[in-house]
Amino acid sequence: MEARATLSYARISSRKAKIVLDLIRNKPVGEAMGIIKNTPKAASELLEKLLASAIANAENNHHMDVNSLYVAECFANQGPTLKRIRPRAQGRAFRIRKRTSHITLVLKEKE
C-alpha cells in the first residue's frame, strides 16, 4: 500500500528540487518534515506542502498509520521550459529559460 502526491509544473528547476529530495529519501515522515523546515532552499517551501499533502492522502484515502510512514520514493522530473527573451546591446536578444518540474512523493508504511 502506498500513498502518493504529485506537484506538476512547479516553477523551480528539477535540479534544485533534487537537492532537497535527496535529503529526505527513506526517512520517516516526521524527520523528513523537520529536515525540510530547516533547509534554506527555494524548493523547501514547495516540498513541505507536498509532503503534508501526501501524509493527508495516506491518512484519509488509504487509512494508513501516520506514525509508521516513511518516504519510500521521491523524484523530480523536468517539465516544460518557459522561454523568454532578454533584450541586449545592439539589438540582440538573449534567451532566458524558466524551467519547470514535476515532483512526486511516495509514502509507504513500515512493516
Protein backbone atom coordinates (compact mmCIF):
# COMPACT_ATOMS: atom_id res chain seq x y z
CA MET A 1 0.00 0.00 0.00
CA GLU A 2 1.34 3.40 -0.91
CA ALA A 3 0.19 6.99 -0.87
CA ARG A 4 1.48 9.48 -3.39
CA ALA A 5 1.30 13.19 -4.05
CA THR A 6 2.46 14.96 -7.20
CA LEU A 7 3.15 18.57 -8.00
CA SER A 8 3.11 19.30 -11.71
CA TYR A 9 4.54 22.35 -13.44
CA ALA A 10 6.34 23.60 -10.32
CA ARG A 11 8.21 26.80 -11.18
CA ILE A 12 11.58 25.51 -9.98
CA SER A 13 14.18 23.54 -11.88
CA SER A 14 14.28 19.82 -11.16
CA ARG A 15 17.98 20.14 -10.38
CA LYS A 16 17.25 22.45 -7.43
CA ALA A 17 14.39 20.29 -6.17
CA LYS A 18 16.53 17.12 -6.26
CA ILE A 19 18.97 18.61 -3.74
CA VAL A 20 16.26 18.69 -1.04
CA LEU A 21 14.65 15.41 -2.17
CA ASP A 22 17.96 13.58 -1.67
CA LEU A 23 17.95 14.71 1.99
CA ILE A 24 14.55 13.17 2.83
CA ARG A 25 14.62 9.92 0.85
CA ASN A 26 13.99 6.80 3.06
CA LYS A 27 13.34 8.92 6.18
CA PRO A 28 10.28 8.74 8.48
CA VAL A 29 7.76 11.48 7.68
CA GLY A 30 8.28 13.34 10.96
CA GLU A 31 12.03 13.51 10.44
CA ALA A 32 11.57 14.41 6.75
CA MET A 33 9.27 17.30 7.66
CA GLY A 34 11.82 18.57 10.18
CA ILE A 35 14.60 18.41 7.59
CA ILE A 36 12.52 20.29 5.02
CA LYS A 37 11.51 23.02 7.50
CA ASN A 38 15.16 23.66 8.43
CA THR A 39 16.66 23.54 4.93
CA PRO A 40 17.20 27.04 3.48
CA LYS A 41 16.44 26.18 -0.14
CA ALA A 42 13.81 27.51 -2.54
CA ALA A 43 12.35 24.03 -3.03
CA SER A 44 11.74 23.52 0.71
CA GLU A 45 8.50 25.52 0.77
CA LEU A 46 7.02 23.56 -2.15
CA LEU A 47 8.13 20.20 -0.75
CA GLU A 48 6.74 20.98 2.70
CA LYS A 49 3.26 21.43 1.23
CA LEU A 50 3.69 18.36 -0.98
CA LEU A 51 4.74 16.16 1.97
CA ALA A 52 1.79 17.41 4.02
CA SER A 53 -0.50 16.53 1.11
CA ALA A 54 1.00 13.03 0.81
CA ILE A 55 0.53 12.47 4.56
CA ALA A 56 -3.12 13.61 4.31
CA ASN A 57 -3.65 11.29 1.32
CA ALA A 58 -2.23 8.35 3.26
CA GLU A 59 -4.37 9.07 6.31
CA ASN A 60 -7.68 9.89 4.64
CA ASN A 61 -7.69 7.90 1.39
CA HIS A 62 -5.72 4.78 2.34
CA HIS A 63 -6.32 4.65 6.14
CA MET A 64 -2.61 4.28 6.89
CA ASP A 65 -0.98 4.91 10.28
CA VAL A 66 0.83 8.27 10.12
CA ASN A 67 3.39 7.23 12.74
CA SER A 68 4.68 4.33 10.62
CA LEU A 69 5.00 6.21 7.31
CA TYR A 70 8.30 6.86 5.55
CA VAL A 71 9.33 8.48 2.26
CA ALA A 72 9.76 5.45 0.00
CA GLU A 73 10.30 7.29 -3.29
CA CYS A 74 10.79 10.91 -4.22
CA PHE A 75 11.87 12.27 -7.55
CA ALA A 76 11.70 15.38 -9.70
CA ASN A 77 11.40 15.17 -13.47
CA GLN A 78 11.92 18.01 -15.89
CA GLY A 79 8.78 19.79 -17.05
CA PRO A 80 8.30 22.12 -19.99
CA THR A 81 10.58 25.15 -20.20
CA LEU A 82 9.10 28.64 -20.49
CA LYS A 83 11.18 30.60 -23.00
CA ARG A 84 11.55 34.33 -22.51
CA ILE A 85 13.63 36.97 -24.28
CA ARG A 86 16.01 39.45 -22.63
CA PRO A 87 16.95 42.48 -24.74
CA ARG A 88 20.71 43.05 -25.04
CA ALA A 89 23.01 45.64 -26.57
CA GLN A 90 22.95 46.49 -30.28
CA GLY A 91 19.56 44.95 -30.99
CA ARG A 92 20.47 41.45 -29.89
CA ALA A 93 18.28 39.23 -27.72
CA PHE A 94 19.28 36.58 -25.19
CA ARG A 95 17.08 33.59 -24.43
CA ILE A 96 16.02 33.11 -20.79
CA ARG A 97 14.88 29.60 -19.89
CA LYS A 98 12.45 29.43 -16.97
CA ARG A 99 12.48 25.76 -16.09
CA THR A 100 9.64 23.80 -14.51
CA SER A 101 9.50 20.38 -12.90
CA HIS A 102 7.12 17.59 -11.94
CA ILE A 103 7.77 16.44 -8.35
CA THR A 104 6.45 13.16 -6.93
CA LEU A 105 6.49 11.85 -3.34
CA VAL A 106 5.54 8.28 -2.46
CA LEU A 107 4.91 7.25 1.17
CA LYS A 108 4.77 3.66 2.45
CA GLU A 109 4.16 2.03 5.82
CA LYS A 110 6.97 0.28 7.66
CA GLU A 111 6.24 -3.36 8.36
